[in-house]
Amino acid sequence: MADIATLEVTTAGSSISKFNSGRGLRCFCSNCGSPVWFESLDYPEIVGIPLGALDSGDIPPPEVHLWTQSNPTWCDINDDLPRHKTHPAESK
């Protein structure tokens, strides 16, 4: 997740399309269909970015675990980062 105010997109001539999936906007490359980010209607200040969309530079280390209630049974979290069963605003 990232603050939408800091999102910078380099498209190299491609355009971004958006599809309203009901809970937010799924944004994807208009040329190849790859997902590039998700804009939540409930939390418009942040975007969810799939790691596969980052193809250059360093990927920042995690700062928090979100939506842990949806983790698969085989997923073990073995660090001391903050954890939230849903979105942090709903976990308070």
Protein backbone atom coordinates (compact mmCIF):
# COMPACT_ATOMS: atom_id res chain seq x y z
CA MET A 1 0.00 0.00 0.00
CA ALA A 2 1.12 3.52 -0.66
CA ASP A 3 -0.06 7.07 -0.05
CA ILE A 4 -1.81 8.15 -3.27
CA ALA A 5 -0.22 11.59 -2.99
CA THR A 6 3.21 9.99 -3.55
CA LEU A 7 2.21 7.74 -6.47
CA GLU A 8 4.25 8.44 -9.59
CA VAL A 9 3.47 6.44 -12.71
CA THR A 10 5.77 6.03 -15.71
CA THR A 11 3.83 4.47 -18.56
CA ALA A 12 6.25 4.65 -21.54
CA GLY A 13 3.40 5.53 -23.86
CA SER A 14 0.78 3.17 -22.42
CA SER A 15 -2.39 4.43 -20.83
CA ILE A 16 -4.05 3.36 -17.60
CA SER A 17 -7.66 2.11 -17.60
CA LYS A 18 -9.88 1.83 -14.54
CA PHE A 19 -12.68 -0.62 -13.78
CA ASN A 20 -15.09 -0.11 -10.86
CA SER A 21 -15.33 -3.48 -9.11
CA GLY A 22 -17.84 -2.24 -6.53
CA ARG A 23 -15.45 -1.57 -3.62
CA GLY A 24 -12.95 0.41 -5.66
CA LEU A 25 -11.21 1.04 -8.92
CA ARG A 26 -8.98 -1.65 -10.40
CA CYS A 27 -6.37 0.13 -12.49
CA PHE A 28 -4.57 -1.72 -15.25
CA CYS A 29 -2.44 -1.24 -18.34
CA SER A 30 -4.70 -0.56 -21.34
CA ASN A 31 -2.27 -2.36 -23.66
CA CYS A 32 -1.57 -5.65 -21.87
CA GLY A 33 -4.15 -5.76 -19.06
CA SER A 34 -1.61 -6.10 -16.23
CA PRO A 35 -2.95 -4.86 -12.87
CA VAL A 36 -1.00 -1.85 -11.65
CA TRP A 37 -2.88 -0.65 -8.56
CA PHE A 38 -6.20 -0.63 -6.68
CA GLU A 39 -7.98 2.52 -5.46
CA SER A 40 -10.31 1.74 -2.56
CA LEU A 41 -13.55 3.71 -2.36
CA ASP A 42 -13.47 3.33 1.45
CA TYR A 43 -9.86 4.57 1.80
CA PRO A 44 -9.20 7.01 -1.08
CA GLU A 45 -5.94 8.24 0.47
CA ILE A 46 -4.12 4.95 -0.21
CA VAL A 47 -3.58 2.61 -3.14
CA GLY A 48 -2.77 -1.10 -3.15
CA ILE A 49 0.09 -1.97 -5.49
CA PRO A 50 0.80 -5.58 -6.49
CA LEU A 51 4.50 -6.37 -6.04
CA GLY A 52 4.61 -7.72 -9.59
CA ALA A 53 3.90 -4.21 -10.88
CA LEU A 54 7.24 -2.96 -9.52
CA ASP A 55 9.92 -3.79 -12.07
CA SER A 56 12.78 -1.47 -11.16
CA GLY A 57 14.41 0.00 -8.12
CA ASP A 58 14.29 -1.26 -4.57
CA ILE A 59 11.08 -2.61 -3.15
CA PRO A 60 10.62 -0.97 0.24
CA PRO A 61 10.55 -3.30 3.25
CA PRO A 62 7.17 -3.99 4.88
CA GLU A 63 6.09 -1.74 7.73
CA VAL A 64 2.85 -3.48 8.74
CA HIS A 65 0.73 -6.57 8.02
CA LEU A 66 -2.81 -5.81 6.78
CA TRP A 67 -5.85 -8.06 6.33
CA THR A 68 -4.29 -10.88 8.36
CA GLN A 69 -7.76 -12.42 8.87
CA SER A 70 -7.55 -13.43 5.20
CA ASN A 71 -4.15 -15.12 5.41
CA PRO A 72 -4.04 -18.68 4.06
CA THR A 73 -3.57 -21.32 6.76
CA TRP A 74 0.01 -21.97 5.61
CA CYS A 75 1.05 -18.31 6.07
CA ASP A 76 3.10 -17.74 9.22
CA ILE A 77 4.06 -14.18 10.18
CA ASN A 78 7.40 -14.38 11.96
CA ASP A 79 8.28 -10.79 12.76
CA ASP A 80 7.30 -8.07 15.21
CA LEU A 81 5.65 -5.69 12.72
CA PRO A 82 2.19 -4.37 13.64
CA ARG A 83 -0.69 -6.60 12.51
CA HIS A 84 -4.25 -5.68 11.58
CA LYS A 85 -7.01 -8.19 10.89
CA THR A 86 -8.53 -5.75 8.38
CA HIS A 87 -7.60 -2.16 7.47
CA PRO A 88 -5.83 -0.27 10.32
CA ALA A 89 -8.68 2.26 10.61
CA GLU A 90 -11.13 -0.61 11.23
CA SER A 91 -8.83 -2.40 13.70
CA LYS A 92 -8.72 0.42 16.23
